[in-house]
PDB file of all heavy atoms in Angstrom:
ATOM      1  N   VAL A   1     109.636  59.946-119.562  1.00  0.00           N
ATOM      2  CA  VAL A   1     109.017  60.822-120.558  1.00  0.00           C
ATOM      3  C   VAL A   1     107.580  61.140-120.161  1.00  0.00           C
ATOM      4  O   VAL A   1     107.109  62.279-120.369  1.00  0.00           O
ATOM      5  CB  VAL A   1     109.094  60.179-121.956  1.00  0.00           C
ATOM      6  CG1 VAL A   1     108.306  61.004-122.973  1.00  0.00           C
ATOM      7  CG2 VAL A   1     110.544  60.060-122.402  1.00  0.00           C
ATOM      8  N   LEU A   2     106.858  60.199-119.596  1.00  0.00           N
ATOM      9  CA  LEU A   2     105.512  60.493-119.100  1.00  0.00           C
ATOM     10  C   LEU A   2     105.563  61.581-118.031  1.00  0.00           C
ATOM     11  O   LEU A   2     104.758  62.520-118.041  1.00  0.00           O
ATOM     12  CB  LEU A   2     104.867  59.228-118.531  1.00  0.00           C
ATOM     13  CG  LEU A   2     104.388  58.191-119.536  1.00  0.00           C
ATOM     14  CD1 LEU A   2     103.954  56.917-118.818  1.00  0.00           C
ATOM     15  CD2 LEU A   2     103.244  58.734-120.387  1.00  0.00           C
ATOM     16  N   THR A   3     106.504  61.452-117.111  1.00  0.00           N
ATOM     17  CA  THR A   3     106.643  62.449-116.050  1.00  0.00           C
ATOM     18  C   THR A   3     106.986  63.809-116.636  1.00  0.00           C
ATOM     19  O   THR A   3     106.409  64.840-116.246  1.00  0.00           O
ATOM     20  CB  THR A   3     107.725  62.006-115.055  1.00  0.00           C
ATOM     21  OG1 THR A   3     107.368  60.734-114.512  1.00  0.00           O
ATOM     22  CG2 THR A   3     107.892  63.020-113.938  1.00  0.00           C
ATOM     23  N   GLN A   4     107.910  63.834-117.580  1.00  0.00           N
ATOM     24  CA  GLN A   4     108.284  65.092-118.218  1.00  0.00           C
ATOM     25  C   GLN A   4     107.107  65.702-118.969  1.00  0.00           C
ATOM     26  O   GLN A   4     106.929  66.939-118.978  1.00  0.00           O
ATOM     27  CB  GLN A   4     109.458  64.869-119.169  1.00  0.00           C
ATOM     28  CG  GLN A   4     110.011  66.139-119.795  1.00  0.00           C
ATOM     29  CD  GLN A   4     110.629  67.079-118.764  1.00  0.00           C
ATOM     30  OE1 GLN A   4     111.028  66.642-117.685  1.00  0.00           O
ATOM     31  NE2 GLN A   4     110.708  68.354-119.076  1.00  0.00           N
ATOM     32  N   SER A   5     106.277  64.886-119.579  1.00  0.00           N
ATOM     33  CA  SER A   5     105.096  65.388-120.281  1.00  0.00           C
ATOM     34  C   SER A   5     104.147  66.098-119.318  1.00  0.00           C
ATOM     35  O   SER A   5     103.585  67.147-119.633  1.00  0.00           O
ATOM     36  CB  SER A   5     104.369  64.237-120.987  1.00  0.00           C
ATOM     37  OG  SER A   5     105.177  63.643-121.979  1.00  0.00           O
ATOM     38  N   ALA A   6     103.965  65.505-118.127  1.00  0.00           N
ATOM     39  CA  ALA A   6     103.108  66.150-117.121  1.00  0.00           C
ATOM     40  C   ALA A   6     103.727  67.450-116.625  1.00  0.00           C
ATOM     41  O   ALA A   6     103.021  68.440-116.392  1.00  0.00           O
ATOM     42  CB  ALA A   6     102.858  65.194-115.960  1.00  0.00           C
ATOM     43  N   LEU A   7     105.035  67.473-116.447  1.00  0.00           N
ATOM     44  CA  LEU A   7     105.714  68.697-116.021  1.00  0.00           C
ATOM     45  C   LEU A   7     105.570  69.794-117.067  1.00  0.00           C
ATOM     46  O   LEU A   7     105.300  70.967-116.740  1.00  0.00           O
ATOM     47  CB  LEU A   7     107.188  68.414-115.753  1.00  0.00           C
ATOM     48  CG  LEU A   7     107.505  67.563-114.513  1.00  0.00           C
ATOM     49  CD1 LEU A   7     108.969  67.146-114.522  1.00  0.00           C
ATOM     50  CD2 LEU A   7     107.176  68.338-113.240  1.00  0.00           C
ATOM     51  N   LEU A   8     105.727  69.460-118.326  1.00  0.00           N
ATOM     52  CA  LEU A   8     105.606  70.441-119.396  1.00  0.00           C
ATOM     53  C   LEU A   8     104.175  70.972-119.513  1.00  0.00           C
ATOM     54  O   LEU A   8     103.967  72.108-119.945  1.00  0.00           O
ATOM     55  CB  LEU A   8     106.046  69.827-120.725  1.00  0.00           C
ATOM     56  CG  LEU A   8     107.544  69.540-120.857  1.00  0.00           C
ATOM     57  CD1 LEU A   8     107.827  68.768-122.135  1.00  0.00           C
ATOM     58  CD2 LEU A   8     108.345  70.834-120.810  1.00  0.00           C
ATOM     59  N   ALA A   9     103.204  70.151-119.107  1.00  0.00           N
ATOM     60  CA  ALA A   9     101.808  70.581-119.140  1.00  0.00           C
ATOM     61  C   ALA A   9     101.421  71.434-117.939  1.00  0.00           C
ATOM     62  O   ALA A   9     100.288  71.895-117.851  1.00  0.00           O
ATOM     63  CB  ALA A   9     100.895  69.361-119.222  1.00  0.00           C
ATOM     64  N   GLY A  10     102.356  71.638-117.022  1.00  0.00           N
ATOM     65  CA  GLY A  10     102.082  72.475-115.846  1.00  0.00           C
ATOM     66  C   GLY A  10     102.547  71.879-114.548  1.00  0.00           C
ATOM     67  O   GLY A  10     102.884  72.600-113.620  1.00  0.00           O
ATOM     68  N   GLY A  11     102.534  70.564-114.433  1.00  0.00           N
ATOM     69  CA  GLY A  11     103.018  69.887-113.228  1.00  0.00           C
ATOM     70  C   GLY A  11     102.382  70.402-111.950  1.00  0.00           C
ATOM     71  O   GLY A  11     103.065  70.611-110.955  1.00  0.00           O
ATOM     72  N   VAL A  12     101.053  70.550-111.954  1.00  0.00           N
ATOM     73  CA  VAL A  12     100.381  71.170-110.812  1.00  0.00           C
ATOM     74  C   VAL A  12     100.231  70.221-109.626  1.00  0.00           C
ATOM     75  O   VAL A  12      99.823  70.653-108.549  1.00  0.00           O
ATOM     76  CB  VAL A  12      98.993  71.722-111.223  1.00  0.00           C
ATOM     77  CG1 VAL A  12      99.151  72.779-112.288  1.00  0.00           C
ATOM     78  CG2 VAL A  12      98.072  70.614-111.700  1.00  0.00           C
ATOM     79  N   ASP A  13     100.559  68.958-109.800  1.00  0.00           N
ATOM     80  CA  ASP A  13     100.434  67.978-108.724  1.00  0.00           C
ATOM     81  C   ASP A  13     101.687  67.108-108.735  1.00  0.00           C
ATOM     82  O   ASP A  13     102.487  67.149-109.675  1.00  0.00           O
ATOM     83  CB  ASP A  13      99.182  67.124-108.935  1.00  0.00           C
ATOM     84  CG  ASP A  13      98.712  66.402-107.684  1.00  0.00           C
ATOM     85  OD1 ASP A  13      99.419  66.466-106.647  1.00  0.00           O
ATOM     86  OD2 ASP A  13      97.645  65.760-107.737  1.00  0.00           O
ATOM     87  N   ASN A  14     101.852  66.303-107.692  1.00  0.00           N
ATOM     88  CA  ASN A  14     102.900  65.288-107.699  1.00  0.00           C
ATOM     89  C   ASN A  14     102.616  64.300-108.830  1.00  0.00           C
ATOM     90  O   ASN A  14     101.451  64.026-109.146  1.00  0.00           O
ATOM     91  CB  ASN A  14     102.946  64.546-106.378  1.00  0.00           C
ATOM     92  CG  ASN A  14     102.984  65.435-105.153  1.00  0.00           C
ATOM     93  OD1 ASN A  14     102.369  65.115-104.146  1.00  0.00           O
ATOM     94  ND2 ASN A  14     103.693  66.561-105.216  1.00  0.00           N
ATOM     95  N   ILE A  15     103.669  63.766-109.408  1.00  0.00           N
ATOM     96  CA  ILE A  15     103.541  62.876-110.578  1.00  0.00           C
ATOM     97  C   ILE A  15     104.284  61.583-110.287  1.00  0.00           C
ATOM     98  O   ILE A  15     105.476  61.619-109.965  1.00  0.00           O
ATOM     99  CB  ILE A  15     104.142  63.522-111.836  1.00  0.00           C
ATOM    100  CG1 ILE A  15     103.559  64.914-112.077  1.00  0.00           C
ATOM    101  CG2 ILE A  15     103.930  62.628-113.052  1.00  0.00           C
ATOM    102  CD1 ILE A  15     104.526  65.844-112.786  1.00  0.00           C
ATOM    103  N   THR A  16     103.600  60.461-110.399  1.00  0.00           N
ATOM    104  CA  THR A  16     104.244  59.162-110.208  1.00  0.00           C
ATOM    105  C   THR A  16     103.806  58.214-111.307  1.00  0.00           C
ATOM    106  O   THR A  16     102.606  58.086-111.582  1.00  0.00           O
ATOM    107  CB  THR A  16     103.900  58.570-108.837  1.00  0.00           C
ATOM    108  OG1 THR A  16     104.356  59.466-107.814  1.00  0.00           O
ATOM    109  CG2 THR A  16     104.558  57.211-108.646  1.00  0.00           C
ATOM    110  N   CYS A  17     104.781  57.563-111.937  1.00  0.00           N
ATOM    111  CA  CYS A  17     104.527  56.611-113.014  1.00  0.00           C
ATOM    112  C   CYS A  17     105.375  55.364-112.775  1.00  0.00           C
ATOM    113  O   CYS A  17     106.594  55.476-112.600  1.00  0.00           O
ATOM    114  CB  CYS A  17     104.903  57.198-114.375  1.00  0.00           C
ATOM    115  SG  CYS A  17     104.166  58.793-114.760  1.00  0.00           S
ATOM    116  N   VAL A  18     104.755  54.204-112.779  1.00  0.00           N
ATOM    117  CA  VAL A  18     105.466  52.933-112.699  1.00  0.00           C
ATOM    118  C   VAL A  18     105.084  52.129-113.931  1.00  0.00           C
ATOM    119  O   VAL A  18     103.897  51.853-114.163  1.00  0.00           O
ATOM    120  CB  VAL A  18     105.106  52.160-111.419  1.00  0.00           C
ATOM    121  CG1 VAL A  18     105.762  50.788-111.427  1.00  0.00           C
ATOM    122  CG2 VAL A  18     105.527  52.944-110.179  1.00  0.00           C
ATOM    123  N   VAL A  19     106.079  51.796-114.741  1.00  0.00           N
ATOM    124  CA  VAL A  19     105.864  51.071-115.996  1.00  0.00           C
ATOM    125  C   VAL A  19     106.413  49.658-115.834  1.00  0.00           C
ATOM    126  O   VAL A  19     107.580  49.471-115.485  1.00  0.00           O
ATOM    127  CB  VAL A  19     106.548  51.792-117.167  1.00  0.00           C
ATOM    128  CG1 VAL A  19     106.358  50.992-118.464  1.00  0.00           C
ATOM    129  CG2 VAL A  19     105.995  53.205-117.327  1.00  0.00           C
ATOM    130  N   LEU A  20     105.565  48.657-116.113  1.00  0.00           N
ATOM    131  CA  LEU A  20     105.909  47.257-115.889  1.00  0.00           C
ATOM    132  C   LEU A  20     105.691  46.453-117.153  1.00  0.00           C
ATOM    133  O   LEU A  20     104.598  46.494-117.740  1.00  0.00           O
ATOM    134  CB  LEU A  20     105.026  46.668-114.779  1.00  0.00           C
ATOM    135  CG  LEU A  20     104.967  47.416-113.447  1.00  0.00           C
ATOM    136  CD1 LEU A  20     103.805  46.894-112.616  1.00  0.00           C
ATOM    137  CD2 LEU A  20     106.277  47.269-112.697  1.00  0.00           C
ATOM    138  N   ASP A  21     106.699  45.710-117.567  1.00  0.00           N
ATOM    139  CA  ASP A  21     106.539  44.742-118.641  1.00  0.00           C
ATOM    140  C   ASP A  21     106.312  43.369-118.027  1.00  0.00           C
ATOM    141  O   ASP A  21     107.025  42.964-117.094  1.00  0.00           O
ATOM    142  CB  ASP A  21     107.773  44.715-119.532  1.00  0.00           C
ATOM    143  CG  ASP A  21     107.903  45.967-120.390  1.00  0.00           C
ATOM    144  OD1 ASP A  21     106.861  46.567-120.711  1.00  0.00           O
ATOM    145  OD2 ASP A  21     109.036  46.358-120.721  1.00  0.00           O
ATOM    146  N   VAL A  22     105.331  42.656-118.529  1.00  0.00           N
ATOM    147  CA  VAL A  22     105.056  41.288-118.075  1.00  0.00           C
ATOM    148  C   VAL A  22     105.969  40.349-118.861  1.00  0.00           C
ATOM    149  O   VAL A  22     105.904  40.288-120.088  1.00  0.00           O
ATOM    150  CB  VAL A  22     103.581  40.919-118.278  1.00  0.00           C
ATOM    151  CG1 VAL A  22     103.323  39.493-117.780  1.00  0.00           C
ATOM    152  CG2 VAL A  22     102.673  41.906-117.548  1.00  0.00           C
ATOM    153  N   VAL A  23     106.835  39.635-118.128  1.00  0.00           N
ATOM    154  CA  VAL A  23     107.817  38.762-118.767  1.00  0.00           C
ATOM    155  C   VAL A  23     107.700  37.357-118.199  1.00  0.00           C
ATOM    156  O   VAL A  23     107.077  37.135-117.155  1.00  0.00           O
ATOM    157  CB  VAL A  23     109.255  39.300-118.566  1.00  0.00           C
ATOM    158  CG1 VAL A  23     109.396  40.689-119.172  1.00  0.00           C
ATOM    159  CG2 VAL A  23     109.642  39.319-117.093  1.00  0.00           C
ATOM    160  N   ASP A  24     108.319  36.413-118.880  1.00  0.00           N
ATOM    161  CA  ASP A  24     108.348  35.019-118.434  1.00  0.00           C
ATOM    162  C   ASP A  24     109.799  34.638-118.184  1.00  0.00           C
ATOM    163  O   ASP A  24     110.673  34.901-119.012  1.00  0.00           O
ATOM    164  CB  ASP A  24     107.748  34.126-119.520  1.00  0.00           C
ATOM    165  CG  ASP A  24     107.638  32.671-119.075  1.00  0.00           C
ATOM    166  OD1 ASP A  24     107.716  32.406-117.862  1.00  0.00           O
ATOM    167  OD2 ASP A  24     107.481  31.805-119.958  1.00  0.00           O
ATOM    168  N   GLY A  25     110.052  34.033-117.037  1.00  0.00           N
ATOM    169  CA  GLY A  25     111.422  33.658-116.731  1.00  0.00           C
ATOM    170  C   GLY A  25     111.495  32.956-115.392  1.00  0.00           C
ATOM    171  O   GLY A  25     110.488  32.751-114.711  1.00  0.00           O
ATOM    172  N   PRO A  26     112.697  32.563-114.990  1.00  0.00           N
ATOM    173  CA  PRO A  26     112.859  31.887-113.702  1.00  0.00           C
ATOM    174  C   PRO A  26     112.538  32.826-112.552  1.00  0.00           C
ATOM    175  O   PRO A  26     112.611  34.055-112.684  1.00  0.00           O
ATOM    176  CB  PRO A  26     114.335  31.494-113.697  1.00  0.00           C
ATOM    177  CG  PRO A  26     114.986  32.454-114.638  1.00  0.00           C
ATOM    178  CD  PRO A  26     113.977  32.737-115.698  1.00  0.00           C
ATOM    179  N   ALA A  27     112.198  32.258-111.411  1.00  0.00           N
ATOM    180  CA  ALA A  27     111.932  33.065-110.220  1.00  0.00           C
ATOM    181  C   ALA A  27     113.181  33.847-109.848  1.00  0.00           C
ATOM    182  O   ALA A  27     114.305  33.359-109.988  1.00  0.00           O
ATOM    183  CB  ALA A  27     111.505  32.175-109.067  1.00  0.00           C
ATOM    184  N   VAL A  28     112.980  35.071-109.384  1.00  0.00           N
ATOM    185  CA  VAL A  28     114.095  35.918-108.975  1.00  0.00           C
ATOM    186  C   VAL A  28     113.882  36.367-107.538  1.00  0.00           C
ATOM    187  O   VAL A  28     112.757  36.472-107.054  1.00  0.00           O
ATOM    188  CB  VAL A  28     114.258  37.141-109.888  1.00  0.00           C
ATOM    189  CG1 VAL A  28     114.574  36.714-111.308  1.00  0.00           C
ATOM    190  CG2 VAL A  28     113.013  38.028-109.856  1.00  0.00           C
ATOM    191  N   VAL A  29     114.972  36.602-106.858  1.00  0.00           N
ATOM    192  CA  VAL A  29     114.938  37.226-105.537  1.00  0.00           C
ATOM    193  C   VAL A  29     115.645  38.554-105.697  1.00  0.00           C
ATOM    194  O   VAL A  29     116.861  38.606-105.837  1.00  0.00           O
ATOM    195  CB  VAL A  29     115.643  36.349-104.479  1.00  0.00           C
ATOM    196  CG1 VAL A  29     115.636  37.067-103.123  1.00  0.00           C
ATOM    197  CG2 VAL A  29     114.955  35.004-104.373  1.00  0.00           C
ATOM    198  N   GLY A  30     114.872  39.616-105.729  1.00  0.00           N
ATOM    199  CA  GLY A  30     115.468  40.909-106.042  1.00  0.00           C
ATOM    200  C   GLY A  30     114.938  41.998-105.145  1.00  0.00           C
ATOM    201  O   GLY A  30     113.980  41.809-104.384  1.00  0.00           O
ATOM    202  N   ASP A  31     115.594  43.138-105.227  1.00  0.00           N
ATOM    203  CA  ASP A  31     115.167  44.306-104.470  1.00  0.00           C
ATOM    204  C   ASP A  31     114.105  45.074-105.245  1.00  0.00           C
ATOM    205  O   ASP A  31     114.070  45.041-106.470  1.00  0.00           O
ATOM    206  CB  ASP A  31     116.350  45.250-104.200  1.00  0.00           C
ATOM    207  CG  ASP A  31     117.369  44.622-103.260  1.00  0.00           C
ATOM    208  OD1 ASP A  31     116.976  43.735-102.490  1.00  0.00           O
ATOM    209  OD2 ASP A  31     118.534  45.024-103.307  1.00  0.00           O
ATOM    210  N   GLY A  32     113.269  45.765-104.502  1.00  0.00           N
ATOM    211  CA  GLY A  32     112.293  46.655-105.107  1.00  0.00           C
ATOM    212  C   GLY A  32     112.667  48.087-104.779  1.00  0.00           C
ATOM    213  O   GLY A  32     113.273  48.362-103.745  1.00  0.00           O
ATOM    214  N   MET A  33     112.322  48.995-105.666  1.00  0.00           N
ATOM    215  CA  MET A  33     112.680  50.393-105.487  1.00  0.00           C
ATOM    216  C   MET A  33     111.562  51.173-104.810  1.00  0.00           C
ATOM    217  O   MET A  33     110.379  50.991-105.103  1.00  0.00           O
ATOM    218  CB  MET A  33     112.999  51.026-106.830  1.00  0.00           C
ATOM    219  CG  MET A  33     114.213  50.423-107.525  1.00  0.00           C
ATOM    220  SD  MET A  33     115.695  50.385-106.483  1.00  0.00           S
ATOM    221  CE  MET A  33     115.927  52.135-106.133  1.00  0.00           C
ATOM    222  N   LEU A  34     111.959  52.043-103.881  1.00  0.00           N
ATOM    223  CA  LEU A  34     111.050  52.950-103.205  1.00  0.00           C
ATOM    224  C   LEU A  34     111.060  54.284-103.925  1.00  0.00           C
ATOM    225  O   LEU A  34     112.117  54.796-104.302  1.00  0.00           O
ATOM    226  CB  LEU A  34     111.481  53.176-101.760  1.00  0.00           C
ATOM    227  CG  LEU A  34     111.811  51.956-100.891  1.00  0.00           C
ATOM    228  CD1 LEU A  34     112.173  52.418 -99.489  1.00  0.00           C
ATOM    229  CD2 LEU A  34     110.643  50.997-100.858  1.00  0.00           C
ATOM    230  N   LEU A  35     109.883  54.875-104.079  1.00  0.00           N
ATOM    231  CA  LEU A  35     109.757  56.145-104.776  1.00  0.00           C
ATOM    232  C   LEU A  35     108.909  57.114-103.969  1.00  0.00           C
ATOM    233  O   LEU A  35     108.015  56.709-103.212  1.00  0.00           O
ATOM    234  CB  LEU A  35     109.118  55.941-106.153  1.00  0.00           C
ATOM    235  CG  LEU A  35     109.854  55.026-107.133  1.00  0.00           C
ATOM    236  CD1 LEU A  35     108.953  54.699-108.320  1.00  0.00           C
ATOM    237  CD2 LEU A  35     111.142  55.670-107.609  1.00  0.00           C
ATOM    238  N   GLY A  36     109.190  58.411-104.136  1.00  0.00           N
ATOM    239  CA  GLY A  36     108.376  59.447-103.520  1.00  0.00           C
ATOM    240  C   GLY A  36     108.494  59.458-102.009  1.00  0.00           C
ATOM    241  O   GLY A  36     109.562  59.251-101.432  1.00  0.00           O
TER     242      GLY A  36
END
């Protein structure tokens, strides 16, 4: 929705948004996503 808001406002530049919630839990071994 943040990205769409920038597009609706004109989208004159590349738009990148990464949203992170800080959580507590056991250690994980996971993949990370590449963007752009």
